[in-house]
Amino acid sequence: VGVGPGPYTGLRVGLVTAAAFSSALGVPVHGLCTLDGLA
């Protein structure tokens, strides 16, 4: 999941969804800076 930087509301949508999948499936979440993805 991209952790930002980003505006408050939009950014949380992805992070909460990633956390929900991780909890339900028992798999790890790997955070990356959003700018690093573009780079």
PDB file of all heavy atoms in Angstrom:
ATOM      1  N   VAL A   1       0.830  -1.203   0.000  1.00  0.00           N
ATOM      2  CA  VAL A   1       0.000   0.000   0.000  1.00  0.00           C
ATOM      3  C   VAL A   1       0.864   1.252   0.000  1.00  0.00           C
ATOM      4  O   VAL A   1       1.891   1.316   0.679  1.00  0.00           O
ATOM      5  CB  VAL A   1      -0.959  -0.003   1.214  1.00  0.00           C
ATOM      6  CG1 VAL A   1      -0.185   0.067   2.539  1.00  0.00           C
ATOM      7  CG2 VAL A   1      -1.966   1.137   1.121  1.00  0.00           C
ATOM      8  N   GLY A   2       0.447   2.226  -0.803  1.00  0.00           N
ATOM      9  CA  GLY A   2       1.105   3.524  -0.782  1.00  0.00           C
ATOM     10  C   GLY A   2       0.682   4.297   0.452  1.00  0.00           C
ATOM     11  O   GLY A   2      -0.513   4.464   0.713  1.00  0.00           O
ATOM     12  N   VAL A   3       1.653   4.766   1.244  1.00  0.00           N
ATOM     13  CA  VAL A   3       1.351   5.439   2.510  1.00  0.00           C
ATOM     14  C   VAL A   3       1.316   6.957   2.369  1.00  0.00           C
ATOM     15  O   VAL A   3       1.165   7.672   3.340  1.00  0.00           O
ATOM     16  CB  VAL A   3       2.368   5.040   3.604  1.00  0.00           C
ATOM     17  CG1 VAL A   3       2.383   3.535   3.811  1.00  0.00           C
ATOM     18  CG2 VAL A   3       3.771   5.563   3.280  1.00  0.00           C
ATOM     19  N   GLY A   4       1.453   7.453   1.148  1.00  0.00           N
ATOM     20  CA  GLY A   4       1.467   8.887   0.942  1.00  0.00           C
ATOM     21  C   GLY A   4       2.876   9.395   0.697  1.00  0.00           C
ATOM     22  O   GLY A   4       3.782   8.597   0.435  1.00  0.00           O
ATOM     23  N   PRO A   5       3.039  10.692   0.763  1.00  0.00           N
ATOM     24  CA  PRO A   5       2.107  11.699   1.272  1.00  0.00           C
ATOM     25  C   PRO A   5       0.902  11.897   0.367  1.00  0.00           C
ATOM     26  O   PRO A   5       0.968  11.685  -0.835  1.00  0.00           O
ATOM     27  CB  PRO A   5       2.963  12.966   1.339  1.00  0.00           C
ATOM     28  CG  PRO A   5       4.013  12.758   0.275  1.00  0.00           C
ATOM     29  CD  PRO A   5       4.308  11.289   0.301  1.00  0.00           C
ATOM     30  N   GLY A   6      -0.198  12.317   1.003  1.00  0.00           N
ATOM     31  CA  GLY A   6      -1.417  12.561   0.260  1.00  0.00           C
ATOM     32  C   GLY A   6      -2.451  13.222   1.141  1.00  0.00           C
ATOM     33  O   GLY A   6      -2.287  13.293   2.364  1.00  0.00           O
ATOM     34  N   PRO A   7      -3.528  13.721   0.540  1.00  0.00           N
ATOM     35  CA  PRO A   7      -4.607  14.334   1.310  1.00  0.00           C
ATOM     36  C   PRO A   7      -5.247  13.333   2.272  1.00  0.00           C
ATOM     37  O   PRO A   7      -5.293  12.132   1.999  1.00  0.00           O
ATOM     38  CB  PRO A   7      -5.599  14.777   0.232  1.00  0.00           C
ATOM     39  CG  PRO A   7      -4.782  14.907  -1.011  1.00  0.00           C
ATOM     40  CD  PRO A   7      -3.748  13.839  -0.897  1.00  0.00           C
ATOM     41  N   TYR A   8      -5.788  13.824   3.349  1.00  0.00           N
ATOM     42  CA  TYR A   8      -6.255  13.011   4.470  1.00  0.00           C
ATOM     43  C   TYR A   8      -7.245  11.923   4.057  1.00  0.00           C
ATOM     44  O   TYR A   8      -7.008  10.739   4.290  1.00  0.00           O
ATOM     45  CB  TYR A   8      -6.896  13.939   5.506  1.00  0.00           C
ATOM     46  CG  TYR A   8      -7.357  13.256   6.768  1.00  0.00           C
ATOM     47  CD1 TYR A   8      -6.475  13.054   7.824  1.00  0.00           C
ATOM     48  CD2 TYR A   8      -8.662  12.819   6.901  1.00  0.00           C
ATOM     49  CE1 TYR A   8      -6.900  12.435   8.987  1.00  0.00           C
ATOM     50  CE2 TYR A   8      -9.097  12.204   8.069  1.00  0.00           C
ATOM     51  CZ  TYR A   8      -8.209  12.014   9.103  1.00  0.00           C
ATOM     52  OH  TYR A   8      -8.626  11.400  10.242  1.00  0.00           O
ATOM     53  N   THR A   9      -8.363  12.309   3.453  1.00  0.00           N
ATOM     54  CA  THR A   9      -9.447  11.346   3.230  1.00  0.00           C
ATOM     55  C   THR A   9      -9.071  10.271   2.231  1.00  0.00           C
ATOM     56  O   THR A   9      -9.219   9.075   2.489  1.00  0.00           O
ATOM     57  CB  THR A   9     -10.718  12.074   2.761  1.00  0.00           C
ATOM     58  OG1 THR A   9     -11.065  13.073   3.727  1.00  0.00           O
ATOM     59  CG2 THR A   9     -11.870  11.097   2.609  1.00  0.00           C
ATOM     60  N   GLY A  10      -8.597  10.662   1.054  1.00  0.00           N
ATOM     61  CA  GLY A  10      -8.249   9.689   0.035  1.00  0.00           C
ATOM     62  C   GLY A  10      -7.186   8.717   0.500  1.00  0.00           C
ATOM     63  O   GLY A  10      -7.287   7.504   0.270  1.00  0.00           O
ATOM     64  N   LEU A  11      -6.174   9.204   1.170  1.00  0.00           N
ATOM     65  CA  LEU A  11      -5.077   8.365   1.633  1.00  0.00           C
ATOM     66  C   LEU A  11      -5.571   7.282   2.589  1.00  0.00           C
ATOM     67  O   LEU A  11      -5.157   6.121   2.507  1.00  0.00           O
ATOM     68  CB  LEU A  11      -4.025   9.238   2.322  1.00  0.00           C
ATOM     69  CG  LEU A  11      -2.835   8.544   2.975  1.00  0.00           C
ATOM     70  CD1 LEU A  11      -2.116   7.648   1.988  1.00  0.00           C
ATOM     71  CD2 LEU A  11      -1.881   9.581   3.554  1.00  0.00           C
ATOM     72  N   ARG A  12      -6.485   7.631   3.477  1.00  0.00           N
ATOM     73  CA  ARG A  12      -6.958   6.669   4.473  1.00  0.00           C
ATOM     74  C   ARG A  12      -7.763   5.534   3.840  1.00  0.00           C
ATOM     75  O   ARG A  12      -7.798   4.430   4.377  1.00  0.00           O
ATOM     76  CB  ARG A  12      -7.796   7.379   5.535  1.00  0.00           C
ATOM     77  CG  ARG A  12      -6.962   8.227   6.477  1.00  0.00           C
ATOM     78  CD  ARG A  12      -7.762   8.655   7.688  1.00  0.00           C
ATOM     79  NE  ARG A  12      -8.074   7.531   8.555  1.00  0.00           N
ATOM     80  CZ  ARG A  12      -7.261   7.055   9.489  1.00  0.00           C
ATOM     81  NH1 ARG A  12      -6.066   7.591   9.661  1.00  0.00           N
ATOM     82  NH2 ARG A  12      -7.636   6.044  10.243  1.00  0.00           N
ATOM     83  N   VAL A  13      -8.411   5.799   2.716  1.00  0.00           N
ATOM     84  CA  VAL A  13      -9.200   4.746   2.056  1.00  0.00           C
ATOM     85  C   VAL A  13      -8.308   3.544   1.738  1.00  0.00           C
ATOM     86  O   VAL A  13      -8.642   2.396   2.040  1.00  0.00           O
ATOM     87  CB  VAL A  13      -9.868   5.282   0.783  1.00  0.00           C
ATOM     88  CG1 VAL A  13     -10.474   4.140  -0.039  1.00  0.00           C
ATOM     89  CG2 VAL A  13     -10.946   6.302   1.132  1.00  0.00           C
ATOM     90  N   GLY A  14      -7.178   3.801   1.115  1.00  0.00           N
ATOM     91  CA  GLY A  14      -6.275   2.718   0.756  1.00  0.00           C
ATOM     92  C   GLY A  14      -5.667   2.035   1.960  1.00  0.00           C
ATOM     93  O   GLY A  14      -5.568   0.793   2.006  1.00  0.00           O
ATOM     94  N   LEU A  15      -5.274   2.807   2.958  1.00  0.00           N
ATOM     95  CA  LEU A  15      -4.629   2.231   4.135  1.00  0.00           C
ATOM     96  C   LEU A  15      -5.604   1.379   4.954  1.00  0.00           C
ATOM     97  O   LEU A  15      -5.246   0.295   5.430  1.00  0.00           O
ATOM     98  CB  LEU A  15      -4.048   3.348   4.997  1.00  0.00           C
ATOM     99  CG  LEU A  15      -2.782   3.987   4.426  1.00  0.00           C
ATOM    100  CD1 LEU A  15      -2.499   5.323   5.093  1.00  0.00           C
ATOM    101  CD2 LEU A  15      -1.590   3.053   4.603  1.00  0.00           C
ATOM    102  N   VAL A  16      -6.823   1.856   5.117  1.00  0.00           N
ATOM    103  CA  VAL A  16      -7.812   1.083   5.872  1.00  0.00           C
ATOM    104  C   VAL A  16      -8.160  -0.198   5.118  1.00  0.00           C
ATOM    105  O   VAL A  16      -8.321  -1.273   5.724  1.00  0.00           O
ATOM    106  CB  VAL A  16      -9.068   1.934   6.126  1.00  0.00           C
ATOM    107  CG1 VAL A  16     -10.208   1.077   6.662  1.00  0.00           C
ATOM    108  CG2 VAL A  16      -8.753   3.041   7.116  1.00  0.00           C
ATOM    109  N   THR A  17      -8.280  -0.112   3.798  1.00  0.00           N
ATOM    110  CA  THR A  17      -8.589  -1.303   2.997  1.00  0.00           C
ATOM    111  C   THR A  17      -7.463  -2.322   3.098  1.00  0.00           C
ATOM    112  O   THR A  17      -7.701  -3.527   3.251  1.00  0.00           O
ATOM    113  CB  THR A  17      -8.828  -0.910   1.534  1.00  0.00           C
ATOM    114  OG1 THR A  17      -9.910   0.021   1.465  1.00  0.00           O
ATOM    115  CG2 THR A  17      -9.168  -2.128   0.688  1.00  0.00           C
ATOM    116  N   ALA A  18      -6.217  -1.859   3.008  1.00  0.00           N
ATOM    117  CA  ALA A  18      -5.067  -2.762   3.125  1.00  0.00           C
ATOM    118  C   ALA A  18      -5.053  -3.433   4.491  1.00  0.00           C
ATOM    119  O   ALA A  18      -4.796  -4.639   4.611  1.00  0.00           O
ATOM    120  CB  ALA A  18      -3.770  -1.993   2.896  1.00  0.00           C
ATOM    121  N   ALA A  19      -5.339  -2.668   5.541  1.00  0.00           N
ATOM    122  CA  ALA A  19      -5.361  -3.232   6.893  1.00  0.00           C
ATOM    123  C   ALA A  19      -6.468  -4.262   7.045  1.00  0.00           C
ATOM    124  O   ALA A  19      -6.289  -5.294   7.699  1.00  0.00           O
ATOM    125  CB  ALA A  19      -5.533  -2.116   7.919  1.00  0.00           C
ATOM    126  N   ALA A  20      -7.611  -3.998   6.428  1.00  0.00           N
ATOM    127  CA  ALA A  20      -8.729  -4.942   6.511  1.00  0.00           C
ATOM    128  C   ALA A  20      -8.387  -6.258   5.816  1.00  0.00           C
ATOM    129  O   ALA A  20      -8.664  -7.342   6.347  1.00  0.00           O
ATOM    130  CB  ALA A  20      -9.978  -4.323   5.890  1.00  0.00           C
ATOM    131  N   PHE A  21      -7.785  -6.180   4.627  1.00  0.00           N
ATOM    132  CA  PHE A  21      -7.383  -7.396   3.928  1.00  0.00           C
ATOM    133  C   PHE A  21      -6.345  -8.167   4.736  1.00  0.00           C
ATOM    134  O   PHE A  21      -6.385  -9.393   4.841  1.00  0.00           O
ATOM    135  CB  PHE A  21      -6.815  -7.062   2.552  1.00  0.00           C
ATOM    136  CG  PHE A  21      -7.848  -6.695   1.530  1.00  0.00           C
ATOM    137  CD1 PHE A  21      -7.543  -5.791   0.526  1.00  0.00           C
ATOM    138  CD2 PHE A  21      -9.111  -7.244   1.547  1.00  0.00           C
ATOM    139  CE1 PHE A  21      -8.489  -5.448  -0.433  1.00  0.00           C
ATOM    140  CE2 PHE A  21     -10.065  -6.906   0.601  1.00  0.00           C
ATOM    141  CZ  PHE A  21      -9.754  -6.001  -0.396  1.00  0.00           C
ATOM    142  N   SER A  22      -5.390  -7.452   5.312  1.00  0.00           N
ATOM    143  CA  SER A  22      -4.348  -8.094   6.106  1.00  0.00           C
ATOM    144  C   SER A  22      -4.934  -8.848   7.286  1.00  0.00           C
ATOM    145  O   SER A  22      -4.573  -9.997   7.556  1.00  0.00           O
ATOM    146  CB  SER A  22      -3.359  -7.033   6.611  1.00  0.00           C
ATOM    147  OG  SER A  22      -2.448  -7.593   7.532  1.00  0.00           O
ATOM    148  N   SER A  23      -5.875  -8.205   7.992  1.00  0.00           N
ATOM    149  CA  SER A  23      -6.489  -8.833   9.157  1.00  0.00           C
ATOM    150  C   SER A  23      -7.333 -10.045   8.767  1.00  0.00           C
ATOM    151  O   SER A  23      -7.268 -11.093   9.417  1.00  0.00           O
ATOM    152  CB  SER A  23      -7.356  -7.805   9.886  1.00  0.00           C
ATOM    153  OG  SER A  23      -8.012  -8.377  10.988  1.00  0.00           O
ATOM    154  N   ALA A  24      -8.097  -9.908   7.684  1.00  0.00           N
ATOM    155  CA  ALA A  24      -8.993 -10.986   7.285  1.00  0.00           C
ATOM    156  C   ALA A  24      -8.247 -12.189   6.726  1.00  0.00           C
ATOM    157  O   ALA A  24      -8.663 -13.336   6.927  1.00  0.00           O
ATOM    158  CB  ALA A  24      -9.992 -10.472   6.247  1.00  0.00           C
ATOM    159  N   LEU A  25      -7.137 -11.926   6.020  1.00  0.00           N
ATOM    160  CA  LEU A  25      -6.421 -12.997   5.331  1.00  0.00           C
ATOM    161  C   LEU A  25      -5.189 -13.488   6.086  1.00  0.00           C
ATOM    162  O   LEU A  25      -4.605 -14.515   5.722  1.00  0.00           O
ATOM    163  CB  LEU A  25      -5.995 -12.521   3.940  1.00  0.00           C
ATOM    164  CG  LEU A  25      -7.136 -12.076   3.012  1.00  0.00           C
ATOM    165  CD1 LEU A  25      -6.564 -11.416   1.760  1.00  0.00           C
ATOM    166  CD2 LEU A  25      -8.019 -13.256   2.638  1.00  0.00           C
ATOM    167  N   GLY A  26      -4.772 -12.747   7.103  1.00  0.00           N
ATOM    168  CA  GLY A  26      -3.580 -13.140   7.846  1.00  0.00           C
ATOM    169  C   GLY A  26      -2.305 -12.981   7.057  1.00  0.00           C
ATOM    170  O   GLY A  26      -1.373 -13.790   7.187  1.00  0.00           O
ATOM    171  N   VAL A  27      -2.228 -11.935   6.226  1.00  0.00           N
ATOM    172  CA  VAL A  27      -1.025 -11.686   5.418  1.00  0.00           C
ATOM    173  C   VAL A  27      -0.450 -10.327   5.799  1.00  0.00           C
ATOM    174  O   VAL A  27      -1.162  -9.461   6.306  1.00  0.00           O
ATOM    175  CB  VAL A  27      -1.348 -11.731   3.913  1.00  0.00           C
ATOM    176  CG1 VAL A  27      -1.850 -13.106   3.507  1.00  0.00           C
ATOM    177  CG2 VAL A  27      -2.352 -10.647   3.522  1.00  0.00           C
ATOM    178  N   PRO A  28       0.843 -10.114   5.569  1.00  0.00           N
ATOM    179  CA  PRO A  28       1.464  -8.836   5.946  1.00  0.00           C
ATOM    180  C   PRO A  28       1.105  -7.705   4.999  1.00  0.00           C
ATOM    181  O   PRO A  28       0.743  -7.929   3.839  1.00  0.00           O
ATOM    182  CB  PRO A  28       2.964  -9.149   5.869  1.00  0.00           C
ATOM    183  CG  PRO A  28       3.063 -10.247   4.870  1.00  0.00           C
ATOM    184  CD  PRO A  28       1.834 -11.082   5.046  1.00  0.00           C
ATOM    185  N   VAL A  29       1.193  -6.486   5.528  1.00  0.00           N
ATOM    186  CA  VAL A  29       1.039  -5.279   4.715  1.00  0.00           C
ATOM    187  C   VAL A  29       2.399  -4.604   4.606  1.00  0.00           C
ATOM    188  O   VAL A  29       3.055  -4.360   5.623  1.00  0.00           O
ATOM    189  CB  VAL A  29       0.033  -4.293   5.330  1.00  0.00           C
ATOM    190  CG1 VAL A  29      -0.104  -3.056   4.441  1.00  0.00           C
ATOM    191  CG2 VAL A  29      -1.316  -4.937   5.518  1.00  0.00           C
ATOM    192  N   HIS A  30       2.812  -4.289   3.381  1.00  0.00           N
ATOM    193  CA  HIS A  30       4.092  -3.633   3.131  1.00  0.00           C
ATOM    194  C   HIS A  30       3.826  -2.209   2.674  1.00  0.00           C
ATOM    195  O   HIS A  30       3.242  -1.982   1.611  1.00  0.00           O
ATOM    196  CB  HIS A  30       4.877  -4.379   2.051  1.00  0.00           C
ATOM    197  CG  HIS A  30       5.017  -5.851   2.299  1.00  0.00           C
ATOM    198  ND1 HIS A  30       5.815  -6.355   3.306  1.00  0.00           N
ATOM    199  CD2 HIS A  30       4.451  -6.924   1.687  1.00  0.00           C
ATOM    200  CE1 HIS A  30       5.740  -7.675   3.296  1.00  0.00           C
ATOM    201  NE2 HIS A  30       4.924  -8.041   2.320  1.00  0.00           N
ATOM    202  N   GLY A  31       4.237  -1.231   3.482  1.00  0.00           N
ATOM    203  CA  GLY A  31       4.037   0.160   3.121  1.00  0.00           C
ATOM    204  C   GLY A  31       5.183   0.701   2.283  1.00  0.00           C
ATOM    205  O   GLY A  31       6.350   0.375   2.514  1.00  0.00           O
ATOM    206  N   LEU A  32       4.845   1.515   1.294  1.00  0.00           N
ATOM    207  CA  LEU A  32       5.840   2.190   0.467  1.00  0.00           C
ATOM    208  C   LEU A  32       5.427   3.649   0.273  1.00  0.00           C
ATOM    209  O   LEU A  32       4.233   3.951   0.155  1.00  0.00           O
ATOM    210  CB  LEU A  32       5.958   1.517  -0.903  1.00  0.00           C
ATOM    211  CG  LEU A  32       6.686   0.181  -0.960  1.00  0.00           C
ATOM    212  CD1 LEU A  32       6.564  -0.417  -2.367  1.00  0.00           C
ATOM    213  CD2 LEU A  32       8.163   0.346  -0.593  1.00  0.00           C
ATOM    214  N   CYS A  33       6.401   4.522   0.206  1.00  0.00           N
ATOM    215  CA  CYS A  33       6.127   5.925  -0.093  1.00  0.00           C
ATOM    216  C   CYS A  33       5.527   6.030  -1.496  1.00  0.00           C
ATOM    217  O   CYS A  33       6.058   5.463  -2.459  1.00  0.00           O
ATOM    218  CB  CYS A  33       7.417   6.738  -0.007  1.00  0.00           C
ATOM    219  SG  CYS A  33       7.226   8.480  -0.455  1.00  0.00           S
ATOM    220  N   THR A  34       4.412   6.732  -1.610  1.00  0.00           N
ATOM    221  CA  THR A  34       3.759   6.906  -2.906  1.00  0.00           C
ATOM    222  C   THR A  34       4.698   7.533  -3.930  1.00  0.00           C
ATOM    223  O   THR A  34       4.701   7.148  -5.108  1.00  0.00           O
ATOM    224  CB  THR A  34       2.496   7.774  -2.727  1.00  0.00           C
ATOM    225  OG1 THR A  34       1.547   7.044  -1.940  1.00  0.00           O
ATOM    226  CG2 THR A  34       1.879   8.150  -4.055  1.00  0.00           C
ATOM    227  N   LEU A  35       5.514   8.479  -3.502  1.00  0.00           N
ATOM    228  CA  LEU A  35       6.455   9.122  -4.424  1.00  0.00           C
ATOM    229  C   LEU A  35       7.459   8.115  -4.978  1.00  0.00           C
ATOM    230  O   LEU A  35       7.899   8.227  -6.134  1.00  0.00           O
ATOM    231  CB  LEU A  35       7.191  10.260  -3.715  1.00  0.00           C
ATOM    232  CG  LEU A  35       6.326  11.363  -3.111  1.00  0.00           C
ATOM    233  CD1 LEU A  35       7.209  12.421  -2.455  1.00  0.00           C
ATOM    234  CD2 LEU A  35       5.427  11.995  -4.153  1.00  0.00           C
ATOM    235  N   ASP A  36       7.814   7.103  -4.184  1.00  0.00           N
ATOM    236  CA  ASP A  36       8.753   6.080  -4.643  1.00  0.00           C
ATOM    237  C   ASP A  36       8.162   5.256  -5.791  1.00  0.00           C
ATOM    238  O   ASP A  36       8.886   4.810  -6.679  1.00  0.00           O
ATOM    239  CB  ASP A  36       9.136   5.145  -3.494  1.00  0.00           C
ATOM    240  CG  ASP A  36       9.995   5.829  -2.441  1.00  0.00           C
ATOM    241  OD1 ASP A  36      10.379   6.996  -2.637  1.00  0.00           O
ATOM    242  OD2 ASP A  36      10.276   5.180  -1.413  1.00  0.00           O
ATOM    243  N   GLY A  37       6.841   5.043  -5.753  1.00  0.00           N
ATOM    244  CA  GLY A  37       6.200   4.326  -6.842  1.00  0.00           C
ATOM    245  C   GLY A  37       6.293   5.088  -8.149  1.00  0.00           C
ATOM    246  O   GLY A  37       6.574   4.514  -9.210  1.00  0.00           O
ATOM    247  N   LEU A  38       6.059   6.384  -8.090  1.00  0.00           N
ATOM    248  CA  LEU A  38       6.179   7.221  -9.287  1.00  0.00           C
ATOM    249  C   LEU A  38       7.619   7.251  -9.783  1.00  0.00           C
ATOM    250  O   LEU A  38       7.875   7.201 -10.992  1.00  0.00           O
ATOM    251  CB  LEU A  38       5.692   8.630  -8.978  1.00  0.00           C
ATOM    252  CG  LEU A  38       4.173   8.808  -8.960  1.00  0.00           C
ATOM    253  CD1 LEU A  38       3.774  10.005  -8.100  1.00  0.00           C
ATOM    254  CD2 LEU A  38       3.652   8.982 -10.370  1.00  0.00           C
ATOM    255  N   ALA A  39       8.553   7.345  -8.856  1.00  0.00           N
ATOM    256  CA  ALA A  39       9.959   7.358  -9.239  1.00  0.00           C
ATOM    257  C   ALA A  39      10.353   6.061  -9.926  1.00  0.00           C
ATOM    258  O   ALA A  39      11.011   6.068 -10.979  1.00  0.00           O
ATOM    259  CB  ALA A  39      10.837   7.590  -8.012  1.00  0.00           C
TER     260      ALA A  39
END
